[in-house]
């Protein structure tokens, strides 16, 4: 590709929906260091922009993401380099989860290894029926340890472990059944289905969604007693927000809520 061409295409609509498109189609959108750095820069900017409501993560070409750039990885065989590379990837994945707005993966094609991790890390995922998923590093003698973190938090343990130790592909329908993605549609209906999901989110108050997303992931990593304590405090704070007070009053008055955001 042209070295001056962006690795991430960014588009924003009037509602504050930002679409970030992985743009290395000839390399199946492999996660090079440069692509990860540019995606990190975009996410950092979005994290501080309170006018953003939803992020859609998409990809150019036939594949969604083929995982790490193996040619780039093989060119610098040292423990220090690999530690830095996977730390960079881990920071990127955490940034997606820590964004105050939902991130929807628009999966039009194959997602393998760290590409499958990327789908699992997004809060929501809509896939074309032709999409396929695998964590195939084990086929090369490299167990997909970092993808395992996201995969094991989305799928049942046995389903996740089977994917990790076999490297076999699963279909979009199976990915839906196992909990890796939310919806499967015909390829020509992919954009419309993503829009339906996005529109439903944008119709809700941003503050409630942001509080809810942060709590959702925090409580997953704690014991049940701590989770309930955190959830109770979060709901109490949420209830004092103008949007929640208006929403409850609108329900009592039997009218639609009038939200400012």
C-alpha atoms as a PDB file:
ATOM      1  CA  UNK A   1       0.000   0.000   0.000  1.00  0.00           C
ATOM      2  CA  UNK A   2       0.994   3.628  -0.335  1.00  0.00           C
ATOM      3  CA  UNK A   3       3.143   4.479   2.724  1.00  0.00           C
ATOM      4  CA  UNK A   4       1.311   7.789   2.978  1.00  0.00           C
ATOM      5  CA  UNK A   5      -2.071   6.062   3.179  1.00  0.00           C
ATOM      6  CA  UNK A   6      -3.588   5.819   6.637  1.00  0.00           C
ATOM      7  CA  UNK A   7      -3.602   2.444   8.401  1.00  0.00           C
ATOM      8  CA  UNK A   8      -6.844   3.432  10.144  1.00  0.00           C
ATOM      9  CA  UNK A   9      -9.659   5.141   8.273  1.00  0.00           C
ATOM     10  CA  UNK A  10     -11.791   7.259  10.585  1.00  0.00           C
ATOM     11  CA  UNK A  11     -15.301   8.521   9.965  1.00  0.00           C
ATOM     12  CA  UNK A  12     -17.696  10.277  12.319  1.00  0.00           C
ATOM     13  CA  UNK A  13     -21.377  10.998  11.809  1.00  0.00           C
ATOM     14  CA  UNK A  14     -23.557  13.747  13.264  1.00  0.00           C
ATOM     15  CA  UNK A  15     -24.668  11.536  16.164  1.00  0.00           C
ATOM     16  CA  UNK A  16     -21.135  11.013  17.454  1.00  0.00           C
ATOM     17  CA  UNK A  17     -20.782   7.501  16.029  1.00  0.00           C
ATOM     18  CA  UNK A  18     -17.117   6.982  15.093  1.00  0.00           C
ATOM     19  CA  UNK A  19     -16.180   4.231  12.642  1.00  0.00           C
ATOM     20  CA  UNK A  20     -12.544   3.117  12.738  1.00  0.00           C
ATOM     21  CA  UNK A  21     -11.600   0.896   9.805  1.00  0.00           C
ATOM     22  CA  UNK A  22      -8.470  -1.279   9.833  1.00  0.00           C
ATOM     23  CA  UNK A  23      -6.883  -0.530   6.481  1.00  0.00           C
ATOM     24  CA  UNK A  24      -4.194  -3.015   5.488  1.00  0.00           C
ATOM     25  CA  UNK A  25      -6.362  -5.047   3.106  1.00  0.00           C
ATOM     26  CA  UNK A  26      -3.453  -6.581   1.181  1.00  0.00           C
ATOM     27  CA  UNK A  27      -2.037  -7.890   4.490  1.00  0.00           C
ATOM     28  CA  UNK A  28      -5.470  -9.040   5.714  1.00  0.00           C
ATOM     29  CA  UNK A  29      -5.358  -6.183   8.237  1.00  0.00           C
ATOM     30  CA  UNK A  30      -2.614  -7.844  10.252  1.00  0.00           C
ATOM     31  CA  UNK A  31      -1.789  -5.972  13.452  1.00  0.00           C
ATOM     32  CA  UNK A  32       1.588  -4.456  12.675  1.00  0.00           C
ATOM     33  CA  UNK A  33       3.256  -2.259  15.267  1.00  0.00           C
ATOM     34  CA  UNK A  34       2.351   0.795  13.208  1.00  0.00           C
ATOM     35  CA  UNK A  35      -1.304  -0.177  12.869  1.00  0.00           C
ATOM     36  CA  UNK A  36      -1.609  -0.858  16.597  1.00  0.00           C
ATOM     37  CA  UNK A  37       0.061   2.462  17.388  1.00  0.00           C
ATOM     38  CA  UNK A  38      -2.330   4.357  15.122  1.00  0.00           C
ATOM     39  CA  UNK A  39      -5.365   2.557  16.532  1.00  0.00           C
ATOM     40  CA  UNK A  40      -4.133   3.325  20.060  1.00  0.00           C
ATOM     41  CA  UNK A  41      -3.788   7.000  19.152  1.00  0.00           C
ATOM     42  CA  UNK A  42      -7.344   7.087  17.813  1.00  0.00           C
ATOM     43  CA  UNK A  43      -8.751   5.339  20.900  1.00  0.00           C
ATOM     44  CA  UNK A  44      -6.887   7.670  23.262  1.00  0.00           C
ATOM     45  CA  UNK A  45      -8.437  10.659  21.482  1.00  0.00           C
ATOM     46  CA  UNK A  46     -11.913   9.131  21.627  1.00  0.00           C
ATOM     47  CA  UNK A  47     -11.535   8.382  25.355  1.00  0.00           C
ATOM     48  CA  UNK A  48     -11.305  12.100  26.062  1.00  0.00           C
ATOM     49  CA  UNK A  49     -14.108  13.171  23.723  1.00  0.00           C
ATOM     50  CA  UNK A  50     -17.449  13.267  25.534  1.00  0.00           C
ATOM     51  CA  UNK A  51     -19.338  13.877  22.288  1.00  0.00           C
ATOM     52  CA  UNK A  52     -18.564  10.356  21.009  1.00  0.00           C
ATOM     53  CA  UNK A  53     -21.449   7.931  21.593  1.00  0.00           C
ATOM     54  CA  UNK A  54     -20.425   4.647  19.932  1.00  0.00           C
ATOM     55  CA  UNK A  55     -17.337   3.268  18.176  1.00  0.00           C
ATOM     56  CA  UNK A  56     -17.689   0.826  15.280  1.00  0.00           C
ATOM     57  CA  UNK A  57     -14.539  -1.176  14.530  1.00  0.00           C
ATOM     58  CA  UNK A  58     -14.543  -2.282  10.904  1.00  0.00           C
ATOM     59  CA  UNK A  59     -12.009  -3.517   8.331  1.00  0.00           C
ATOM     60  CA  UNK A  60     -11.182  -3.108   4.660  1.00  0.00           C
ATOM     61  CA  UNK A  61     -10.963  -5.977   2.201  1.00  0.00           C
ATOM     62  CA  UNK A  62     -11.857  -9.648   2.519  1.00  0.00           C
ATOM     63  CA  UNK A  63     -10.512 -10.311   6.028  1.00  0.00           C
ATOM     64  CA  UNK A  64     -11.389  -8.614   9.287  1.00  0.00           C
ATOM     65  CA  UNK A  65      -7.987  -9.200  10.887  1.00  0.00           C
ATOM     66  CA  UNK A  66      -5.394 -11.950  10.507  1.00  0.00           C
ATOM     67  CA  UNK A  67      -3.812 -11.327  13.903  1.00  0.00           C
ATOM     68  CA  UNK A  68      -0.251 -10.149  14.414  1.00  0.00           C
ATOM     69  CA  UNK A  69       2.028  -9.457  11.464  1.00  0.00           C
ATOM     70  CA  UNK A  70       4.089 -12.670  11.464  1.00  0.00           C
ATOM     71  CA  UNK A  71       6.710 -11.364   9.015  1.00  0.00           C
ATOM     72  CA  UNK A  72       7.318  -8.373  11.273  1.00  0.00           C
ATOM     73  CA  UNK A  73       7.471 -10.633  14.338  1.00  0.00           C
ATOM     74  CA  UNK A  74       9.932 -13.051  12.739  1.00  0.00           C
ATOM     75  CA  UNK A  75      12.276 -10.242  11.689  1.00  0.00           C
ATOM     76  CA  UNK A  76      13.212  -9.397  15.296  1.00  0.00           C
ATOM     77  CA  UNK A  77      13.509 -12.656  17.253  1.00  0.00           C
ATOM     78  CA  UNK A  78      14.274 -11.544  20.797  1.00  0.00           C
ATOM     79  CA  UNK A  79      12.461 -11.976  24.082  1.00  0.00           C
ATOM     80  CA  UNK A  80      12.590  -8.262  24.784  1.00  0.00           C
ATOM     81  CA  UNK A  81      11.011  -7.384  21.452  1.00  0.00           C
ATOM     82  CA  UNK A  82       8.227  -9.925  21.856  1.00  0.00           C
ATOM     83  CA  UNK A  83       7.505  -8.745  25.409  1.00  0.00           C
ATOM     84  CA  UNK A  84       7.178  -5.176  24.154  1.00  0.00           C
ATOM     85  CA  UNK A  85       4.976  -6.254  21.231  1.00  0.00           C
ATOM     86  CA  UNK A  86       2.504  -8.204  23.333  1.00  0.00           C
ATOM     87  CA  UNK A  87       2.428  -5.487  25.984  1.00  0.00           C
ATOM     88  CA  UNK A  88       1.516  -3.032  23.218  1.00  0.00           C
ATOM     89  CA  UNK A  89      -1.276  -5.358  22.111  1.00  0.00           C
ATOM     90  CA  UNK A  90      -2.522  -5.839  25.671  1.00  0.00           C
ATOM     91  CA  UNK A  91      -2.666  -2.077  26.231  1.00  0.00           C
ATOM     92  CA  UNK A  92      -4.678  -1.711  23.016  1.00  0.00           C
ATOM     93  CA  UNK A  93      -7.185  -4.369  24.066  1.00  0.00           C
ATOM     94  CA  UNK A  94      -7.591  -2.811  27.514  1.00  0.00           C
ATOM     95  CA  UNK A  95      -8.135   0.586  25.911  1.00  0.00           C
ATOM     96  CA  UNK A  96     -11.063  -0.804  23.936  1.00  0.00           C
ATOM     97  CA  UNK A  97     -12.607  -2.211  27.102  1.00  0.00           C
ATOM     98  CA  UNK A  98     -11.971   0.958  29.099  1.00  0.00           C
ATOM     99  CA  UNK A  99     -13.547   3.331  26.579  1.00  0.00           C
ATOM    100  CA  UNK A 100     -16.633   4.946  28.149  1.00  0.00           C
ATOM    101  CA  UNK A 101     -18.686   4.141  25.049  1.00  0.00           C
ATOM    102  CA  UNK A 102     -19.631   0.767  23.538  1.00  0.00           C
ATOM    103  CA  UNK A 103     -17.416  -0.638  20.794  1.00  0.00           C
ATOM    104  CA  UNK A 104     -19.143  -2.690  18.096  1.00  0.00           C
ATOM    105  CA  UNK A 105     -17.088  -4.980  15.866  1.00  0.00           C
ATOM    106  CA  UNK A 106     -18.329  -5.074  12.257  1.00  0.00           C
ATOM    107  CA  UNK A 107     -16.925  -8.414  11.121  1.00  0.00           C
ATOM    108  CA  UNK A 108     -17.142  -8.826   7.359  1.00  0.00           C
ATOM    109  CA  UNK A 109     -14.539 -11.594   6.992  1.00  0.00           C
ATOM    110  CA  UNK A 110     -12.094 -13.929   8.677  1.00  0.00           C
ATOM    111  CA  UNK A 111     -10.776 -13.081  12.150  1.00  0.00           C
ATOM    112  CA  UNK A 112      -7.852 -15.172  13.370  1.00  0.00           C
ATOM    113  CA  UNK A 113      -5.531 -15.187  16.388  1.00  0.00           C
ATOM    114  CA  UNK A 114      -5.219 -11.601  17.693  1.00  0.00           C
ATOM    115  CA  UNK A 115      -7.920 -10.670  15.165  1.00  0.00           C
ATOM    116  CA  UNK A 116     -10.287 -13.053  16.942  1.00  0.00           C
ATOM    117  CA  UNK A 117      -9.075 -11.524  20.215  1.00  0.00           C
ATOM    118  CA  UNK A 118     -10.030  -8.124  18.832  1.00  0.00           C
ATOM    119  CA  UNK A 119     -13.593  -9.333  18.157  1.00  0.00           C
ATOM    120  CA  UNK A 120     -13.830 -10.877  21.623  1.00  0.00           C
ATOM    121  CA  UNK A 121     -12.553  -7.669  23.233  1.00  0.00           C
ATOM    122  CA  UNK A 122     -15.116  -5.422  21.566  1.00  0.00           C
ATOM    123  CA  UNK A 123     -18.241  -4.991  23.685  1.00  0.00           C
ATOM    124  CA  UNK A 124     -20.516  -6.167  20.879  1.00  0.00           C
ATOM    125  CA  UNK A 125     -20.008  -7.857  17.525  1.00  0.00           C
ATOM    126  CA  UNK A 126     -22.101  -8.244  14.385  1.00  0.00           C
ATOM    127  CA  UNK A 127     -20.806 -10.647  11.733  1.00  0.00           C
ATOM    128  CA  UNK A 128     -21.576 -11.535   8.167  1.00  0.00           C
ATOM    129  CA  UNK A 129     -22.665 -15.148   7.752  1.00  0.00           C
ATOM    130  CA  UNK A 130     -19.532 -15.741   5.661  1.00  0.00           C
ATOM    131  CA  UNK A 131     -17.164 -14.711   8.491  1.00  0.00           C
ATOM    132  CA  UNK A 132     -14.988 -17.312  10.190  1.00  0.00           C
ATOM    133  CA  UNK A 133     -13.101 -17.282  13.466  1.00  0.00           C
ATOM    134  CA  UNK A 134     -10.045 -19.103  14.809  1.00  0.00           C
ATOM    135  CA  UNK A 135      -7.191 -18.764  17.281  1.00  0.00           C
ATOM    136  CA  UNK A 136      -4.803 -20.640  15.063  1.00  0.00           C
ATOM    137  CA  UNK A 137      -1.400 -19.909  16.577  1.00  0.00           C
ATOM    138  CA  UNK A 138      -1.139 -23.438  17.932  1.00  0.00           C
ATOM    139  CA  UNK A 139      -0.921 -24.670  14.332  1.00  0.00           C
ATOM    140  CA  UNK A 140       2.413 -22.816  14.151  1.00  0.00           C
ATOM    141  CA  UNK A 141       3.592 -24.019  17.561  1.00  0.00           C
ATOM    142  CA  UNK A 142       2.523 -20.776  19.257  1.00  0.00           C
ATOM    143  CA  UNK A 143      -0.324 -21.080  21.763  1.00  0.00           C
ATOM    144  CA  UNK A 144      -2.562 -17.986  21.512  1.00  0.00           C
ATOM    145  CA  UNK A 145      -2.060 -16.992  25.150  1.00  0.00           C
ATOM    146  CA  UNK A 146      -3.084 -13.338  24.882  1.00  0.00           C
ATOM    147  CA  UNK A 147      -6.182 -14.104  22.762  1.00  0.00           C
ATOM    148  CA  UNK A 148      -7.045 -16.712  25.420  1.00  0.00           C
ATOM    149  CA  UNK A 149      -7.631 -13.907  27.929  1.00  0.00           C
ATOM    150  CA  UNK A 150     -10.426 -12.356  25.869  1.00  0.00           C
ATOM    151  CA  UNK A 151     -11.738 -15.646  24.521  1.00  0.00           C
ATOM    152  CA  UNK A 152     -12.112 -17.251  27.958  1.00  0.00           C
ATOM    153  CA  UNK A 153     -14.100 -14.224  29.138  1.00  0.00           C
ATOM    154  CA  UNK A 154     -16.603 -14.539  26.284  1.00  0.00           C
ATOM    155  CA  UNK A 155     -17.062 -18.233  25.597  1.00  0.00           C
ATOM    156  CA  UNK A 156     -17.641 -21.167  27.893  1.00  0.00           C
ATOM    157  CA  UNK A 157     -14.360 -22.664  29.113  1.00  0.00           C
ATOM    158  CA  UNK A 158     -14.533 -25.860  27.095  1.00  0.00           C
ATOM    159  CA  UNK A 159     -15.492 -24.082  23.881  1.00  0.00           C
ATOM    160  CA  UNK A 160     -12.686 -21.554  24.330  1.00  0.00           C
ATOM    161  CA  UNK A 161     -10.122 -24.203  25.167  1.00  0.00           C
ATOM    162  CA  UNK A 162     -11.109 -26.308  22.177  1.00  0.00           C
ATOM    163  CA  UNK A 163     -10.540 -23.360  19.860  1.00  0.00           C
ATOM    164  CA  UNK A 164      -7.172 -22.662  21.497  1.00  0.00           C
ATOM    165  CA  UNK A 165      -5.771 -26.208  21.384  1.00  0.00           C
ATOM    166  CA  UNK A 166      -7.104 -27.210  17.950  1.00  0.00           C
ATOM    167  CA  UNK A 167      -6.715 -23.952  16.031  1.00  0.00           C
ATOM    168  CA  UNK A 168      -9.814 -24.974  14.069  1.00  0.00           C
ATOM    169  CA  UNK A 169     -12.113 -22.436  12.455  1.00  0.00           C
ATOM    170  CA  UNK A 170     -15.667 -21.945  13.650  1.00  0.00           C
ATOM    171  CA  UNK A 171     -18.442 -20.466  11.535  1.00  0.00           C
ATOM    172  CA  UNK A 172     -20.313 -17.269  12.267  1.00  0.00           C
ATOM    173  CA  UNK A 173     -23.329 -19.311  13.356  1.00  0.00           C
ATOM    174  CA  UNK A 174     -21.197 -21.309  15.791  1.00  0.00           C
ATOM    175  CA  UNK A 175     -19.546 -18.115  17.038  1.00  0.00           C
ATOM    176  CA  UNK A 176     -23.029 -16.771  17.764  1.00  0.00           C
ATOM    177  CA  UNK A 177     -23.986 -19.966  19.576  1.00  0.00           C
ATOM    178  CA  UNK A 178     -20.802 -19.907  21.679  1.00  0.00           C
ATOM    179  CA  UNK A 179     -21.190 -16.235  22.638  1.00  0.00           C
ATOM    180  CA  UNK A 180     -18.291 -14.743  20.675  1.00  0.00           C
ATOM    181  CA  UNK A 181     -20.597 -12.486  18.646  1.00  0.00           C
ATOM    182  CA  UNK A 182     -24.088 -11.012  19.075  1.00  0.00           C
ATOM    183  CA  UNK A 183     -25.684 -11.212  15.641  1.00  0.00           C
ATOM    184  CA  UNK A 184     -25.195 -12.936  12.265  1.00  0.00           C
ATOM    185  CA  UNK A 185     -26.665 -11.604   9.045  1.00  0.00           C
ATOM    186  CA  UNK A 186     -26.206 -12.011   5.302  1.00  0.00           C
ATOM    187  CA  UNK A 187     -23.172 -10.034   4.049  1.00  0.00           C
ATOM    188  CA  UNK A 188     -25.377  -7.543   2.224  1.00  0.00           C
ATOM    189  CA  UNK A 189     -27.313  -6.834   5.442  1.00  0.00           C
ATOM    190  CA  UNK A 190     -24.251  -6.274   7.644  1.00  0.00           C
ATOM    191  CA  UNK A 191     -24.276  -2.474   7.626  1.00  0.00           C
ATOM    192  CA  UNK A 192     -28.009  -2.291   8.279  1.00  0.00           C
ATOM    193  CA  UNK A 193     -27.716  -4.659  11.245  1.00  0.00           C
ATOM    194  CA  UNK A 194     -24.805  -2.720  12.731  1.00  0.00           C
ATOM    195  CA  UNK A 195     -26.856   0.454  12.343  1.00  0.00           C
ATOM    196  CA  UNK A 196     -29.831  -1.096  14.164  1.00  0.00           C
ATOM    197  CA  UNK A 197     -27.614  -1.933  17.114  1.00  0.00           C
ATOM    198  CA  UNK A 198     -25.882   1.453  17.077  1.00  0.00           C
ATOM    199  CA  UNK A 199     -29.180   3.356  16.841  1.00  0.00           C
ATOM    200  CA  UNK A 200     -30.529   1.523  19.871  1.00  0.00           C
ATOM    201  CA  UNK A 201     -27.462   2.500  21.913  1.00  0.00           C
ATOM    202  CA  UNK A 202     -27.397   6.123  20.762  1.00  0.00           C
ATOM    203  CA  UNK A 203     -31.033   6.497  21.861  1.00  0.00           C
ATOM    204  CA  UNK A 204     -29.943   5.938  25.483  1.00  0.00           C
ATOM    205  CA  UNK A 205     -28.271   8.525  27.775  1.00  0.00           C
ATOM    206  CA  UNK A 206     -24.495   8.469  27.373  1.00  0.00           C
ATOM    207  CA  UNK A 207     -23.886   8.822  31.107  1.00  0.00           C
ATOM    208  CA  UNK A 208     -25.924   5.717  31.934  1.00  0.00           C
ATOM    209  CA  UNK A 209     -24.171   3.653  29.264  1.00  0.00           C
ATOM    210  CA  UNK A 210     -20.734   4.845  30.412  1.00  0.00           C
ATOM    211  CA  UNK A 211     -21.443   4.045  34.066  1.00  0.00           C
ATOM    212  CA  UNK A 212     -22.883   0.698  33.078  1.00  0.00           C
ATOM    213  CA  UNK A 213     -20.007  -0.343  30.847  1.00  0.00           C
ATOM    214  CA  UNK A 214     -17.407   0.473  33.491  1.00  0.00           C
ATOM    215  CA  UNK A 215     -19.355  -1.428  36.161  1.00  0.00           C
ATOM    216  CA  UNK A 216     -19.976  -4.395  33.855  1.00  0.00           C
ATOM    217  CA  UNK A 217     -16.282  -5.106  33.415  1.00  0.00           C
ATOM    218  CA  UNK A 218     -15.242  -4.230  36.986  1.00  0.00           C
ATOM    219  CA  UNK A 219     -17.695  -6.605  38.589  1.00  0.00           C
ATOM    220  CA  UNK A 220     -16.687  -9.496  36.352  1.00  0.00           C
ATOM    221  CA  UNK A 221     -13.241  -9.509  37.955  1.00  0.00           C
ATOM    222  CA  UNK A 222     -14.421  -9.470  41.599  1.00  0.00           C
ATOM    223  CA  UNK A 223     -16.205 -11.809  43.990  1.00  0.00           C
ATOM    224  CA  UNK A 224     -19.998 -11.690  44.085  1.00  0.00           C
ATOM    225  CA  UNK A 225     -20.252  -9.734  47.363  1.00  0.00           C
ATOM    226  CA  UNK A 226     -17.892  -7.032  46.102  1.00  0.00           C
ATOM    227  CA  UNK A 227     -19.709  -7.020  42.775  1.00  0.00           C
ATOM    228  CA  UNK A 228     -23.064  -6.340  44.432  1.00  0.00           C
ATOM    229  CA  UNK A 229     -21.542  -3.601  46.623  1.00  0.00           C
ATOM    230  CA  UNK A 230     -20.021  -1.927  43.567  1.00  0.00           C
ATOM    231  CA  UNK A 231     -23.248  -2.308  41.575  1.00  0.00           C
ATOM    232  CA  UNK A 232     -25.344  -0.803  44.377  1.00  0.00           C
ATOM    233  CA  UNK A 233     -23.075   2.233  44.626  1.00  0.00           C
ATOM    234  CA  UNK A 234     -23.047   2.636  40.839  1.00  0.00           C
ATOM    235  CA  UNK A 235     -26.837   2.503  40.660  1.00  0.00           C
ATOM    236  CA  UNK A 236     -27.186   5.013  43.494  1.00  0.00           C
ATOM    237  CA  UNK A 237     -24.908   7.456  41.675  1.00  0.00           C
ATOM    238  CA  UNK A 238     -26.676   6.779  38.377  1.00  0.00           C
ATOM    239  CA  UNK A 239     -30.059   7.402  39.989  1.00  0.00           C
ATOM    240  CA  UNK A 240     -28.987  10.906  41.018  1.00  0.00           C
ATOM    241  CA  UNK A 241     -28.101  11.820  37.437  1.00  0.00           C
ATOM    242  CA  UNK A 242     -30.555  14.110  35.652  1.00  0.00           C
ATOM    243  CA  UNK A 243     -31.089  11.573  32.865  1.00  0.00           C
ATOM    244  CA  UNK A 244     -32.179   8.829  35.257  1.00  0.00           C
ATOM    245  CA  UNK A 245     -34.393  11.179  37.265  1.00  0.00           C
ATOM    246  CA  UNK A 246     -36.072  12.324  34.043  1.00  0.00           C
ATOM    247  CA  UNK A 247     -36.413   8.751  32.753  1.00  0.00           C
ATOM    248  CA  UNK A 248     -38.123   7.537  35.932  1.00  0.00           C
ATOM    249  CA  UNK A 249     -40.411  10.573  36.056  1.00  0.00           C
ATOM    250  CA  UNK A 250     -41.333  10.055  32.398  1.00  0.00           C
ATOM    251  CA  UNK A 251     -42.262   6.448  33.183  1.00  0.00           C
ATOM    252  CA  UNK A 252     -44.448   7.602  36.075  1.00  0.00           C
ATOM    253  CA  UNK A 253     -46.050  10.260  33.847  1.00  0.00           C
ATOM    254  CA  UNK A 254     -46.553   7.750  31.029  1.00  0.00           C
ATOM    255  CA  UNK A 255     -44.632   9.860  28.491  1.00  0.00           C
ATOM    256  CA  UNK A 256     -41.409   9.528  26.521  1.00  0.00           C
ATOM    257  CA  UNK A 257     -38.313  10.806  28.358  1.00  0.00           C
ATOM    258  CA  UNK A 258     -36.809  14.100  27.296  1.00  0.00           C
ATOM    259  CA  UNK A 259     -33.060  13.603  27.572  1.00  0.00           C
ATOM    260  CA  UNK A 260     -30.417  16.225  26.865  1.00  0.00           C
ATOM    261  CA  UNK A 261     -27.786  13.543  26.232  1.00  0.00           C
END
